[in-house]
Amino acid sequence: MKRIILLVAAAALAGCGVETASTAATAAALKKQEVEQAKKTLEQTRQNIDKAMEQVQQSQQSREAAEK
């Protein structure tokens, strides 16, 4: 009888472990997606800043050329 109880308890605990591992894997996959999206957003932001800086430089060069 004790063996049956131990077996049932072990099976129940093993099931919890699998569920916990599955939950952790899902959370890790979501974090990975968040990181990838953040990297894409960062790269897009850098590109936008670069474009804006180029426009500012062109504007300054145009102003300087007009003043000469």
N, C-alpha and C. Protein backbone atom coordinates (compact mmCIF):
# COMPACT_ATOMS: atom_id res chain seq x y z
N MET A 1 0.82 -1.20 0.00
CA MET A 1 0.00 0.00 0.00
C MET A 1 0.87 1.27 0.00
N LYS A 2 1.92 1.23 0.82
CA LYS A 2 2.81 2.40 0.87
C LYS A 2 3.48 2.62 -0.47
N ARG A 3 3.81 1.54 -1.16
CA ARG A 3 4.45 1.67 -2.48
C ARG A 3 3.51 2.34 -3.47
N ILE A 4 2.25 2.00 -3.40
CA ILE A 4 1.26 2.58 -4.32
C ILE A 4 1.15 4.08 -4.05
N ILE A 5 1.08 4.44 -2.78
CA ILE A 5 0.98 5.84 -2.41
C ILE A 5 2.23 6.59 -2.87
N LEU A 6 3.40 6.00 -2.65
CA LEU A 6 4.64 6.63 -3.09
C LEU A 6 4.67 6.76 -4.60
N LEU A 7 4.20 5.73 -5.29
CA LEU A 7 4.19 5.76 -6.76
C LEU A 7 3.26 6.86 -7.27
N VAL A 8 2.08 6.97 -6.67
CA VAL A 8 1.13 8.01 -7.07
C VAL A 8 1.71 9.39 -6.76
N ALA A 9 2.31 9.54 -5.61
CA ALA A 9 2.91 10.82 -5.25
C ALA A 9 4.05 11.18 -6.20
N ALA A 10 4.88 10.20 -6.52
CA ALA A 10 5.99 10.45 -7.44
C ALA A 10 5.47 10.84 -8.82
N ALA A 11 4.42 10.18 -9.28
CA ALA A 11 3.84 10.50 -10.58
C ALA A 11 3.25 11.91 -10.57
N ALA A 12 2.61 12.27 -9.48
CA ALA A 12 2.03 13.61 -9.38
C ALA A 12 3.13 14.66 -9.38
N LEU A 13 4.18 14.42 -8.64
CA LEU A 13 5.29 15.38 -8.60
C LEU A 13 6.00 15.46 -9.95
N ALA A 14 6.14 14.36 -10.62
CA ALA A 14 6.77 14.36 -11.94
C ALA A 14 5.93 15.17 -12.92
N GLY A 15 4.62 15.04 -12.82
CA GLY A 15 3.72 15.82 -13.67
C GLY A 15 3.88 17.30 -13.42
N CYS A 16 4.05 17.68 -12.18
CA CYS A 16 4.26 19.09 -11.85
C CYS A 16 5.57 19.59 -12.43
N GLY A 17 6.58 18.76 -12.39
CA GLY A 17 7.86 19.13 -12.94
C GLY A 17 7.79 19.37 -14.43
N VAL A 18 7.05 18.52 -15.12
CA VAL A 18 6.90 18.67 -16.57
C VAL A 18 6.15 19.96 -16.88
N GLU A 19 5.11 20.23 -16.11
CA GLU A 19 4.34 21.46 -16.33
C GLU A 19 5.20 22.69 -16.05
N THR A 20 5.99 22.64 -15.01
CA THR A 20 6.87 23.75 -14.67
C THR A 20 7.91 23.97 -15.77
N ALA A 21 8.48 22.88 -16.26
CA ALA A 21 9.47 22.99 -17.33
C ALA A 21 8.84 23.54 -18.59
N SER A 22 7.63 23.11 -18.89
CA SER A 22 6.92 23.59 -20.08
C SER A 22 6.63 25.08 -19.95
N THR A 23 6.20 25.49 -18.78
CA THR A 23 5.92 26.91 -18.54
C THR A 23 7.20 27.74 -18.67
N ALA A 24 8.28 27.23 -18.13
CA ALA A 24 9.56 27.95 -18.22
C ALA A 24 10.02 28.06 -19.67
N ALA A 25 9.83 26.99 -20.43
CA ALA A 25 10.23 27.02 -21.84
C ALA A 25 9.39 28.02 -22.62
N THR A 26 8.12 28.07 -22.33
CA THR A 26 7.23 29.03 -23.00
C THR A 26 7.63 30.46 -22.64
N ALA A 27 7.92 30.69 -21.36
CA ALA A 27 8.33 32.02 -20.93
C ALA A 27 9.65 32.42 -21.60
N ALA A 28 10.56 31.47 -21.71
CA ALA A 28 11.84 31.76 -22.36
C ALA A 28 11.65 32.09 -23.84
N ALA A 29 10.76 31.37 -24.50
CA ALA A 29 10.50 31.63 -25.91
C ALA A 29 9.89 33.02 -26.10
N LEU A 30 9.00 33.40 -25.20
CA LEU A 30 8.40 34.74 -25.27
C LEU A 30 9.45 35.82 -25.03
N LYS A 31 10.33 35.60 -24.08
CA LYS A 31 11.40 36.58 -23.82
C LYS A 31 12.31 36.70 -25.03
N LYS A 32 12.60 35.58 -25.68
CA LYS A 32 13.45 35.61 -26.87
C LYS A 32 12.80 36.46 -27.96
N GLN A 33 11.49 36.28 -28.14
CA GLN A 33 10.77 37.08 -29.14
C GLN A 33 10.81 38.56 -28.77
N GLU A 34 10.66 38.86 -27.48
CA GLU A 34 10.70 40.26 -27.04
C GLU A 34 12.08 40.87 -27.32
N VAL A 35 13.12 40.10 -27.06
CA VAL A 35 14.48 40.59 -27.30
C VAL A 35 14.70 40.84 -28.78
N GLU A 36 14.25 39.90 -29.62
CA GLU A 36 14.41 40.06 -31.06
C GLU A 36 13.65 41.28 -31.57
N GLN A 37 12.45 41.49 -31.06
CA GLN A 37 11.66 42.65 -31.47
C GLN A 37 12.34 43.94 -31.00
N ALA A 38 12.88 43.91 -29.79
CA ALA A 38 13.57 45.10 -29.27
C ALA A 38 14.79 45.41 -30.13
N LYS A 39 15.51 44.39 -30.57
CA LYS A 39 16.67 44.61 -31.44
C LYS A 39 16.24 45.23 -32.77
N LYS A 40 15.13 44.75 -33.32
CA LYS A 40 14.63 45.32 -34.58
C LYS A 40 14.23 46.78 -34.38
N THR A 41 13.55 47.06 -33.29
CA THR A 41 13.12 48.42 -33.00
C THR A 41 14.34 49.33 -32.82
N LEU A 42 15.35 48.83 -32.12
CA LEU A 42 16.57 49.61 -31.93
C LEU A 42 17.24 49.91 -33.26
N GLU A 43 17.32 48.92 -34.13
CA GLU A 43 17.96 49.13 -35.43
C GLU A 43 17.17 50.13 -36.27
N GLN A 44 15.85 50.04 -36.26
CA GLN A 44 15.02 50.99 -36.99
C GLN A 44 15.21 52.40 -36.44
N THR A 45 15.29 52.52 -35.13
CA THR A 45 15.49 53.82 -34.50
C THR A 45 16.83 54.41 -34.90
N ARG A 46 17.87 53.56 -34.91
CA ARG A 46 19.19 54.03 -35.32
C ARG A 46 19.17 54.52 -36.76
N GLN A 47 18.48 53.77 -37.63
CA GLN A 47 18.39 54.18 -39.03
C GLN A 47 17.67 55.52 -39.16
N ASN A 48 16.60 55.70 -38.39
CA ASN A 48 15.86 56.96 -38.43
C ASN A 48 16.73 58.12 -37.94
N ILE A 49 17.50 57.88 -36.90
CA ILE A 49 18.40 58.92 -36.39
C ILE A 49 19.45 59.26 -37.43
N ASP A 50 20.01 58.23 -38.06
CA ASP A 50 21.02 58.46 -39.10
C ASP A 50 20.44 59.30 -40.24
N LYS A 51 19.22 58.98 -40.66
CA LYS A 51 18.57 59.75 -41.73
C LYS A 51 18.38 61.21 -41.30
N ALA A 52 17.93 61.39 -40.08
CA ALA A 52 17.70 62.75 -39.59
C ALA A 52 19.01 63.52 -39.53
N MET A 53 20.07 62.87 -39.09
CA MET A 53 21.38 63.54 -39.03
C MET A 53 21.86 63.91 -40.42
N GLU A 54 21.65 63.05 -41.39
CA GLU A 54 22.03 63.35 -42.77
C GLU A 54 21.25 64.56 -43.29
N GLN A 55 19.96 64.61 -42.98
CA GLN A 55 19.14 65.73 -43.42
C GLN A 55 19.62 67.04 -42.78
N VAL A 56 19.99 66.99 -41.53
CA VAL A 56 20.49 68.18 -40.85
C VAL A 56 21.78 68.64 -41.50
N GLN A 57 22.67 67.69 -41.78
CA GLN A 57 23.93 68.05 -42.43
C GLN A 57 23.71 68.64 -43.81
N GLN A 58 22.81 68.05 -44.57
CA GLN A 58 22.50 68.58 -45.91
C GLN A 58 21.92 69.98 -45.81
N SER A 59 21.06 70.17 -44.83
CA SER A 59 20.46 71.48 -44.64
C SER A 59 21.53 72.52 -44.28
N GLN A 60 22.45 72.16 -43.42
CA GLN A 60 23.52 73.07 -43.05
C GLN A 60 24.41 73.38 -44.25
N GLN A 61 24.71 72.36 -45.03
CA GLN A 61 25.55 72.57 -46.21
C GLN A 61 24.84 73.48 -47.21
N SER A 62 23.54 73.30 -47.38
CA SER A 62 22.78 74.15 -48.29
C SER A 62 22.79 75.59 -47.81
N ARG A 63 22.64 75.79 -46.51
CA ARG A 63 22.65 77.13 -45.93
C ARG A 63 24.01 77.78 -46.12
N GLU A 64 25.05 77.02 -45.87
CA GLU A 64 26.40 77.55 -46.02
C GLU A 64 26.68 77.91 -47.49
N ALA A 65 26.22 77.07 -48.40
CA ALA A 65 26.43 77.34 -49.83
C ALA A 65 25.64 78.58 -50.24
N ALA A 66 24.46 78.78 -49.70
CA ALA A 66 23.64 79.95 -50.04
C ALA A 66 24.25 81.23 -49.50
N GLU A 67 24.96 81.14 -48.38
CA GLU A 67 25.58 82.32 -47.78
C GLU A 67 26.81 82.77 -48.56
N LYS A 68 27.44 81.89 -49.30
CA LYS A 68 28.67 82.25 -50.02
C LYS A 68 28.40 83.03 -51.23
